[in-house]
Protein backbone atom coordinates (compact mmCIF):
# COMPACT_ATOMS: atom_id res chain seq x y z
CA UNK A 1 0.00 0.00 0.00
CA UNK A 2 1.10 3.53 -0.75
CA UNK A 3 -0.09 6.70 0.92
CA UNK A 4 -1.05 9.82 -1.00
CA UNK A 5 -2.04 13.37 -0.20
CA UNK A 6 -3.70 15.34 -2.97
CA UNK A 7 -4.18 19.09 -2.83
CA UNK A 8 -7.44 20.07 -4.54
CA UNK A 9 -8.87 23.30 -5.80
CA UNK A 10 -10.69 25.08 -2.98
CA UNK A 11 -13.81 23.21 -1.95
CA UNK A 12 -16.84 25.47 -1.59
CA UNK A 13 -19.32 23.22 0.21
CA UNK A 14 -19.62 19.91 2.06
CA UNK A 15 -21.33 18.29 -0.92
CA UNK A 16 -18.08 18.78 -2.85
CA UNK A 17 -16.43 16.55 -0.28
CA UNK A 18 -19.12 13.90 -0.65
CA UNK A 19 -18.85 13.88 -4.46
CA UNK A 20 -15.10 13.32 -4.30
CA UNK A 21 -15.33 10.63 -1.62
CA UNK A 22 -18.04 8.91 -3.68
CA UNK A 23 -15.83 8.91 -6.75
CA UNK A 24 -12.92 7.45 -4.77
CA UNK A 25 -15.08 4.65 -3.38
CA UNK A 26 -15.75 3.39 -6.91
CA UNK A 27 -12.04 2.70 -7.49
CA UNK A 28 -10.74 -0.81 -6.89
CA UNK A 29 -7.57 -0.56 -4.83
CA UNK A 30 -8.49 2.38 -2.57
CA UNK A 31 -8.43 1.63 1.16
CA UNK A 32 -11.97 2.78 1.99
CA UNK A 33 -11.09 3.32 5.66
CA UNK A 34 -8.42 5.90 4.86
CA UNK A 35 -9.94 7.80 1.93
CA UNK A 36 -10.91 11.10 3.55
CA UNK A 37 -11.45 14.56 2.12
CA UNK A 38 -10.84 17.54 4.39
CA UNK A 39 -13.18 20.42 3.61
CA UNK A 40 -11.07 22.89 5.63
CA UNK A 41 -7.77 22.15 3.89
CA UNK A 42 -9.11 20.97 0.49
CA UNK A 43 -6.92 17.87 0.73
CA UNK A 44 -7.53 14.19 0.15
CA UNK A 45 -5.54 11.69 2.18
CA UNK A 46 -5.71 8.02 1.34
CA UNK A 47 -3.94 4.70 0.96
CA UNK A 48 -4.09 2.70 -2.25
CA UNK A 49 -2.79 -0.53 -3.75
CA UNK A 50 -0.37 0.61 -6.44
CA UNK A 51 -0.59 -2.79 -8.16
CA UNK A 52 -4.26 -2.02 -8.96
CA UNK A 53 -4.21 1.71 -9.71
CA UNK A 54 -1.93 4.71 -9.93
CA UNK A 55 -2.14 8.18 -8.46
CA UNK A 56 -3.01 9.34 -11.99
CA UNK A 57 -6.09 7.06 -11.91
CA UNK A 58 -7.11 8.66 -8.62
CA UNK A 59 -6.59 12.17 -10.03
CA UNK A 60 -8.65 11.25 -13.12
CA UNK A 61 -11.55 10.03 -10.94
CA UNK A 62 -11.54 13.32 -9.02
CA UNK A 63 -11.35 15.38 -12.21
CA UNK A 64 -14.25 13.42 -13.76
CA UNK A 65 -16.56 14.70 -11.00
CA UNK A 66 -15.45 18.28 -11.65
CA UNK A 67 -12.54 19.09 -9.32
CA UNK A 68 -8.93 19.87 -10.13
CA UNK A 69 -5.99 18.26 -8.38
CA UNK A 70 -3.33 20.91 -7.88
CA UNK A 71 -0.55 18.75 -6.47
CA UNK A 72 -0.07 15.12 -5.41
CA UNK A 73 2.42 13.64 -2.99
CA UNK A 74 2.86 9.87 -2.85
CA UNK A 75 4.86 7.91 -0.28
């Protein structure tokens, strides 16, 4: 498992958070327990199985629901 923190464009409402978390839950390889969006910081922190998906796949899922990823950090 790898950990990632993604900085998003500024979130304007709690439903933004829910849309992003919903998109992440559809991805095979995301640890559902760790995938959390912080409304206050506009960041997503999660763990994922890098044998099943890449950080680019995660960014694409977020962008498909209408939000831009500004920067990603993977460990």
